[in-house]
Amino acid sequence: MTDTSTPRADESLDEEGTEPTAVNGETDETDEESGTREKKAVGESELFRQSEIAADYVEGLLDILDYDGDIDELVSGGRPVVEVVGGRLQNLVGQRGATLEALQELARLAVFRQTGTPSRLLLDVGGYRATRRKELAAVAKNAVEKVKEYGEPVRLEPMSAFERKCVHDVVNAMTGVESESEGVEPNRRIIVRPAD
């Protein structure tokens, strides 16, 4: 029997970025400057390679499904991104982005199979994520207003890791409130509460 399991891209990768830290809190400024440039160049090229691999995979799926779409691969916010734009793509998004999340996991798997490294790839179809990000910002602001008005925690509906990150970003930018996730997938949700 062949083991085809791969490490699932952990949701924490979607929710939190990681910053390189110095050993013992100290760095050599001259080494840091040249090393950072070198690491950044290598990192950017590897991230772009991941987006190219994923774009090739998505293009193959579009061909099989006989869908037309323009595919852009790029690096944004320190992660590989693939954007598919075109008409008649709503079926690739699915209800509340469920199909899009599944396609993203398949594209991440394609990257993993070629690179051996889990990817934080972000896939967007038809601008769905940008639109959803705006909707979630409104949901987060509404929850914050309720928390500030009544002083009671507000539980939001279950969300995907992408959606939770969008809400956390908005809440964390506001004073007097904090947010945390609770529960397990697919019923993981955010609670917004007054800050201590």
C-alpha atoms as a PDB file:
ATOM      1  CA  MET A   1       0.000   0.000   0.000  1.00  0.00           C
ATOM      2  CA  THR A   2       1.298   3.427  -0.925  1.00  0.00           C
ATOM      3  CA  ASP A   3       1.159   6.212   1.627  1.00  0.00           C
ATOM      4  CA  THR A   4      -0.199   9.266  -0.150  1.00  0.00           C
ATOM      5  CA  SER A   5      -0.734  11.327   2.961  1.00  0.00           C
ATOM      6  CA  THR A   6       0.869  14.716   3.171  1.00  0.00           C
ATOM      7  CA  PRO A   7       1.132  17.203   5.930  1.00  0.00           C
ATOM      8  CA  ARG A   8      -2.001  19.307   5.673  1.00  0.00           C
ATOM      9  CA  ALA A   9      -1.240  22.986   5.432  1.00  0.00           C
ATOM     10  CA  ASP A  10      -1.922  23.875   9.044  1.00  0.00           C
ATOM     11  CA  GLU A  11      -4.554  26.520   9.545  1.00  0.00           C
ATOM     12  CA  SER A  12      -2.147  28.408  11.752  1.00  0.00           C
ATOM     13  CA  LEU A  13      -0.143  29.085   8.618  1.00  0.00           C
ATOM     14  CA  ASP A  14      -3.181  30.877   7.267  1.00  0.00           C
ATOM     15  CA  GLU A  15      -3.855  32.727  10.461  1.00  0.00           C
ATOM     16  CA  GLU A  16      -0.424  33.819  11.568  1.00  0.00           C
ATOM     17  CA  GLY A  17       2.778  34.633   9.742  1.00  0.00           C
ATOM     18  CA  THR A  18       6.112  33.752  11.267  1.00  0.00           C
ATOM     19  CA  GLU A  19       8.954  36.155  11.650  1.00  0.00           C
ATOM     20  CA  PRO A  20      12.570  35.046  11.726  1.00  0.00           C
ATOM     21  CA  THR A  21      14.107  35.587  15.135  1.00  0.00           C
ATOM     22  CA  ALA A  22      17.681  36.196  16.100  1.00  0.00           C
ATOM     23  CA  VAL A  23      19.608  33.731  18.247  1.00  0.00           C
ATOM     24  CA  ASN A  24      19.713  35.031  21.844  1.00  0.00           C
ATOM     25  CA  GLY A  25      17.983  38.182  20.606  1.00  0.00           C
ATOM     26  CA  GLU A  26      21.172  39.483  19.001  1.00  0.00           C
ATOM     27  CA  THR A  27      22.165  39.850  15.367  1.00  0.00           C
ATOM     28  CA  ASP A  28      25.261  40.984  13.577  1.00  0.00           C
ATOM     29  CA  GLU A  29      24.128  44.018  11.588  1.00  0.00           C
ATOM     30  CA  THR A  30      26.546  43.516   8.696  1.00  0.00           C
ATOM     31  CA  ASP A  31      25.731  39.822   8.328  1.00  0.00           C
ATOM     32  CA  GLU A  32      22.032  40.561   8.755  1.00  0.00           C
ATOM     33  CA  GLU A  33      22.018  43.045   5.859  1.00  0.00           C
ATOM     34  CA  SER A  34      23.688  40.789   3.309  1.00  0.00           C
ATOM     35  CA  GLY A  35      22.045  37.631   4.662  1.00  0.00           C
ATOM     36  CA  THR A  36      18.586  39.161   4.572  1.00  0.00           C
ATOM     37  CA  ARG A  37      18.995  40.209   0.944  1.00  0.00           C
ATOM     38  CA  GLU A  38      20.211  36.740   0.011  1.00  0.00           C
ATOM     39  CA  LYS A  39      17.450  34.964   1.957  1.00  0.00           C
ATOM     40  CA  LYS A  40      14.815  37.320   0.552  1.00  0.00           C
ATOM     41  CA  ALA A  41      15.952  36.702  -3.032  1.00  0.00           C
ATOM     42  CA  VAL A  42      15.991  32.931  -2.513  1.00  0.00           C
ATOM     43  CA  GLY A  43      12.704  33.040  -0.608  1.00  0.00           C
ATOM     44  CA  GLU A  44      10.941  35.168  -3.224  1.00  0.00           C
ATOM     45  CA  SER A  45      12.092  32.920  -6.057  1.00  0.00           C
ATOM     46  CA  GLU A  46      10.999  29.781  -4.190  1.00  0.00           C
ATOM     47  CA  LEU A  47       7.607  31.328  -3.411  1.00  0.00           C
ATOM     48  CA  PHE A  48       7.187  32.337  -7.051  1.00  0.00           C
ATOM     49  CA  ARG A  49       8.128  28.787  -8.093  1.00  0.00           C
ATOM     50  CA  GLN A  50       5.378  27.491  -5.787  1.00  0.00           C
ATOM     51  CA  SER A  51       2.855  29.828  -7.401  1.00  0.00           C
ATOM     52  CA  GLU A  52       3.955  28.649 -10.870  1.00  0.00           C
ATOM     53  CA  ILE A  53       3.523  24.994  -9.893  1.00  0.00           C
ATOM     54  CA  ALA A  54       0.068  25.717  -8.489  1.00  0.00           C
ATOM     55  CA  ALA A  55      -0.873  27.779 -11.553  1.00  0.00           C
ATOM     56  CA  ASP A  56       0.078  24.882 -13.832  1.00  0.00           C
ATOM     57  CA  TYR A  57      -2.045  22.551 -11.723  1.00  0.00           C
ATOM     58  CA  VAL A  58      -5.052  24.894 -11.771  1.00  0.00           C
ATOM     59  CA  GLU A  59      -4.654  25.419 -15.528  1.00  0.00           C
ATOM     60  CA  GLY A  60      -4.828  21.642 -15.986  1.00  0.00           C
ATOM     61  CA  LEU A  61      -8.034  21.520 -13.954  1.00  0.00           C
ATOM     62  CA  LEU A  62      -9.556  24.330 -15.997  1.00  0.00           C
ATOM     63  CA  ASP A  63      -8.711  22.460 -19.206  1.00  0.00           C
ATOM     64  CA  ILE A  64     -10.320  19.265 -17.898  1.00  0.00           C
ATOM     65  CA  LEU A  65     -13.444  21.191 -16.847  1.00  0.00           C
ATOM     66  CA  ASP A  66     -13.441  23.168 -20.110  1.00  0.00           C
ATOM     67  CA  TYR A  67     -13.465  26.507 -18.255  1.00  0.00           C
ATOM     68  CA  ASP A  68     -11.773  29.607 -19.581  1.00  0.00           C
ATOM     69  CA  GLY A  69      -9.826  31.811 -17.224  1.00  0.00           C
ATOM     70  CA  ASP A  70      -6.706  33.924 -17.061  1.00  0.00           C
ATOM     71  CA  ILE A  71      -4.270  32.753 -14.424  1.00  0.00           C
ATOM     72  CA  ASP A  72      -1.836  35.072 -12.656  1.00  0.00           C
ATOM     73  CA  GLU A  73       0.871  33.788 -10.362  1.00  0.00           C
ATOM     74  CA  LEU A  74       2.548  36.152  -7.938  1.00  0.00           C
ATOM     75  CA  VAL A  75       3.977  36.549  -4.456  1.00  0.00           C
ATOM     76  CA  SER A  76       2.052  38.769  -2.064  1.00  0.00           C
ATOM     77  CA  GLY A  77       2.514  39.267   1.661  1.00  0.00           C
ATOM     78  CA  GLY A  78       5.285  36.677   1.778  1.00  0.00           C
ATOM     79  CA  ARG A  79       3.200  33.886   0.315  1.00  0.00           C
ATOM     80  CA  PRO A  80       2.570  32.432  -3.147  1.00  0.00           C
ATOM     81  CA  VAL A  81      -0.699  33.511  -4.746  1.00  0.00           C
ATOM     82  CA  VAL A  82      -2.595  32.239  -7.786  1.00  0.00           C
ATOM     83  CA  GLU A  83      -5.501  34.290  -9.118  1.00  0.00           C
ATOM     84  CA  VAL A  84      -7.963  32.985 -11.703  1.00  0.00           C
ATOM     85  CA  VAL A  85     -10.046  35.597 -13.506  1.00  0.00           C
ATOM     86  CA  GLY A  86     -12.786  35.055 -16.055  1.00  0.00           C
ATOM     87  CA  GLY A  87     -16.469  34.502 -16.611  1.00  0.00           C
ATOM     88  CA  ARG A  88     -18.379  31.377 -15.650  1.00  0.00           C
ATOM     89  CA  LEU A  89     -16.116  30.566 -12.706  1.00  0.00           C
ATOM     90  CA  GLN A  90     -18.653  30.678  -9.848  1.00  0.00           C
ATOM     91  CA  ASN A  91     -18.770  26.865  -9.741  1.00  0.00           C
ATOM     92  CA  LEU A  92     -15.080  26.919  -8.777  1.00  0.00           C
ATOM     93  CA  VAL A  93     -15.910  29.050  -5.734  1.00  0.00           C
ATOM     94  CA  GLY A  94     -18.896  27.064  -4.491  1.00  0.00           C
ATOM     95  CA  GLN A  95     -21.152  27.857  -1.577  1.00  0.00           C
ATOM     96  CA  ARG A  96     -19.360  30.226   0.822  1.00  0.00           C
ATOM     97  CA  GLY A  97     -16.045  29.396  -0.866  1.00  0.00           C
ATOM     98  CA  ALA A  98     -16.092  25.692   0.021  1.00  0.00           C
ATOM     99  CA  THR A  99     -15.045  24.547  -3.466  1.00  0.00           C
ATOM    100  CA  LEU A 100     -12.367  27.241  -3.593  1.00  0.00           C
ATOM    101  CA  GLU A 101     -10.924  26.014  -0.265  1.00  0.00           C
ATOM    102  CA  ALA A 102     -10.840  22.443  -1.609  1.00  0.00           C
ATOM    103  CA  LEU A 103      -9.125  23.566  -4.830  1.00  0.00           C
ATOM    104  CA  GLN A 104      -6.607  25.507  -2.765  1.00  0.00           C
ATOM    105  CA  GLU A 105      -5.774  22.361  -0.772  1.00  0.00           C
ATOM    106  CA  LEU A 106      -5.338  20.392  -4.022  1.00  0.00           C
ATOM    107  CA  ALA A 107      -3.046  23.094  -5.410  1.00  0.00           C
ATOM    108  CA  ARG A 108      -1.042  23.046  -2.166  1.00  0.00           C
ATOM    109  CA  LEU A 109      -0.763  19.276  -2.499  1.00  0.00           C
ATOM    110  CA  ALA A 110       0.539  19.679  -6.066  1.00  0.00           C
ATOM    111  CA  VAL A 111       3.187  22.089  -4.769  1.00  0.00           C
ATOM    112  CA  PHE A 112       4.107  19.696  -1.956  1.00  0.00           C
ATOM    113  CA  ARG A 113       4.493  16.788  -4.374  1.00  0.00           C
ATOM    114  CA  GLN A 114       6.996  18.747  -6.470  1.00  0.00           C
ATOM    115  CA  THR A 115       8.890  20.597  -3.739  1.00  0.00           C
ATOM    116  CA  GLY A 116       8.536  18.371  -0.682  1.00  0.00           C
ATOM    117  CA  THR A 117       7.648  21.475   1.342  1.00  0.00           C
ATOM    118  CA  PRO A 118       4.197  22.445   2.662  1.00  0.00           C
ATOM    119  CA  SER A 119       2.969  25.639   1.026  1.00  0.00           C
ATOM    120  CA  ARG A 120       1.001  28.632   2.294  1.00  0.00           C
ATOM    121  CA  LEU A 121      -0.399  29.121  -1.209  1.00  0.00           C
ATOM    122  CA  LEU A 122      -3.458  31.335  -1.487  1.00  0.00           C
ATOM    123  CA  LEU A 123      -5.820  30.618  -4.393  1.00  0.00           C
ATOM    124  CA  ASP A 124      -8.444  33.140  -5.488  1.00  0.00           C
ATOM    125  CA  VAL A 125     -11.075  32.703  -8.185  1.00  0.00           C
ATOM    126  CA  GLY A 126     -13.003  35.589  -9.693  1.00  0.00           C
ATOM    127  CA  GLY A 127     -11.971  38.005  -6.939  1.00  0.00           C
ATOM    128  CA  TYR A 128     -14.001  36.047  -4.375  1.00  0.00           C
ATOM    129  CA  ARG A 129     -11.486  36.498  -1.564  1.00  0.00           C
ATOM    130  CA  ALA A 130     -11.286  40.291  -1.972  1.00  0.00           C
ATOM    131  CA  THR A 131     -15.084  40.550  -1.924  1.00  0.00           C
ATOM    132  CA  ARG A 132     -15.360  38.195   1.045  1.00  0.00           C
ATOM    133  CA  ARG A 133     -12.652  40.139   2.899  1.00  0.00           C
ATOM    134  CA  LYS A 134     -14.816  43.301   2.659  1.00  0.00           C
ATOM    135  CA  GLU A 135     -17.909  41.435   3.887  1.00  0.00           C
ATOM    136  CA  LEU A 136     -15.975  39.995   6.817  1.00  0.00           C
ATOM    137  CA  ALA A 137     -14.605  43.420   7.740  1.00  0.00           C
ATOM    138  CA  ALA A 138     -18.210  44.598   8.098  1.00  0.00           C
ATOM    139  CA  VAL A 139     -19.091  41.524  10.204  1.00  0.00           C
ATOM    140  CA  ALA A 140     -16.074  42.145  12.450  1.00  0.00           C
ATOM    141  CA  LYS A 141     -16.891  45.852  12.900  1.00  0.00           C
ATOM    142  CA  ASN A 142     -20.490  44.990  13.752  1.00  0.00           C
ATOM    143  CA  ALA A 143     -19.332  42.464  16.365  1.00  0.00           C
ATOM    144  CA  VAL A 144     -16.921  45.007  17.859  1.00  0.00           C
ATOM    145  CA  GLU A 145     -19.728  47.590  18.119  1.00  0.00           C
ATOM    146  CA  LYS A 146     -21.932  45.067  19.957  1.00  0.00           C
ATOM    147  CA  VAL A 147     -19.116  44.133  22.338  1.00  0.00           C
ATOM    148  CA  LYS A 148     -18.386  47.785  23.108  1.00  0.00           C
ATOM    149  CA  GLU A 149     -22.074  48.620  23.529  1.00  0.00           C
ATOM    150  CA  TYR A 150     -23.110  45.678  25.722  1.00  0.00           C
ATOM    151  CA  GLY A 151     -19.784  44.564  27.215  1.00  0.00           C
ATOM    152  CA  GLU A 152     -20.591  40.927  26.420  1.00  0.00           C
ATOM    153  CA  PRO A 153     -18.634  38.509  24.174  1.00  0.00           C
ATOM    154  CA  VAL A 154     -20.002  37.906  20.677  1.00  0.00           C
ATOM    155  CA  ARG A 155     -19.698  34.476  19.025  1.00  0.00           C
ATOM    156  CA  LEU A 156     -19.538  34.531  15.251  1.00  0.00           C
ATOM    157  CA  GLU A 157     -20.631  31.756  12.910  1.00  0.00           C
ATOM    158  CA  PRO A 158     -18.111  29.034  11.983  1.00  0.00           C
ATOM    159  CA  MET A 159     -15.573  30.193   9.390  1.00  0.00           C
ATOM    160  CA  SER A 160     -12.676  28.909   7.338  1.00  0.00           C
ATOM    161  CA  ALA A 161      -9.108  29.767   8.343  1.00  0.00           C
ATOM    162  CA  PHE A 162      -8.990  32.489   5.672  1.00  0.00           C
ATOM    163  CA  GLU A 163     -12.210  34.038   6.958  1.00  0.00           C
ATOM    164  CA  ARG A 164     -11.086  33.890  10.574  1.00  0.00           C
ATOM    165  CA  LYS A 165      -7.814  35.609   9.713  1.00  0.00           C
ATOM    166  CA  CYS A 166      -9.719  38.432   8.007  1.00  0.00           C
ATOM    167  CA  VAL A 167     -11.862  38.943  11.107  1.00  0.00           C
ATOM    168  CA  HIS A 168      -8.900  38.706  13.516  1.00  0.00           C
ATOM    169  CA  ASP A 169      -7.033  41.341  11.478  1.00  0.00           C
ATOM    170  CA  VAL A 170      -9.921  43.810  11.753  1.00  0.00           C
ATOM    171  CA  VAL A 171     -10.550  43.164  15.457  1.00  0.00           C
ATOM    172  CA  ASN A 172      -6.852  43.354  16.365  1.00  0.00           C
ATOM    173  CA  ALA A 173      -6.626  46.773  14.715  1.00  0.00           C
ATOM    174  CA  MET A 174      -9.259  48.149  17.129  1.00  0.00           C
ATOM    175  CA  THR A 175      -8.766  49.142  20.749  1.00  0.00           C
ATOM    176  CA  GLY A 176     -10.722  47.788  23.689  1.00  0.00           C
ATOM    177  CA  VAL A 177     -11.531  44.409  22.109  1.00  0.00           C
ATOM    178  CA  GLU A 178      -9.802  41.117  21.402  1.00  0.00           C
ATOM    179  CA  SER A 179     -10.650  37.984  19.476  1.00  0.00           C
ATOM    180  CA  GLU A 180      -9.836  34.308  19.685  1.00  0.00           C
ATOM    181  CA  SER A 181     -10.798  31.180  17.800  1.00  0.00           C
ATOM    182  CA  GLU A 182     -12.478  28.218  19.476  1.00  0.00           C
ATOM    183  CA  GLY A 183     -13.702  24.808  18.418  1.00  0.00           C
ATOM    184  CA  VAL A 184     -12.482  22.414  15.760  1.00  0.00           C
ATOM    185  CA  GLU A 185     -12.869  22.390  11.999  1.00  0.00           C
ATOM    186  CA  PRO A 186     -15.296  22.698  10.313  1.00  0.00           C
ATOM    187  CA  ASN A 187     -17.055  24.378  13.240  1.00  0.00           C
ATOM    188  CA  ARG A 188     -14.194  26.626  14.371  1.00  0.00           C
ATOM    189  CA  ARG A 189     -15.450  30.124  15.155  1.00  0.00           C
ATOM    190  CA  ILE A 190     -14.304  33.455  16.543  1.00  0.00           C
ATOM    191  CA  ILE A 191     -15.306  35.012  19.833  1.00  0.00           C
ATOM    192  CA  VAL A 192     -14.932  38.788  20.107  1.00  0.00           C
ATOM    193  CA  ARG A 193     -14.744  40.065  23.690  1.00  0.00           C
ATOM    194  CA  PRO A 194     -13.753  43.139  25.657  1.00  0.00           C
ATOM    195  CA  ALA A 195      -9.979  43.382  26.134  1.00  0.00           C
ATOM    196  CA  ASP A 196      -8.713  42.815  29.668  1.00  0.00           C
END
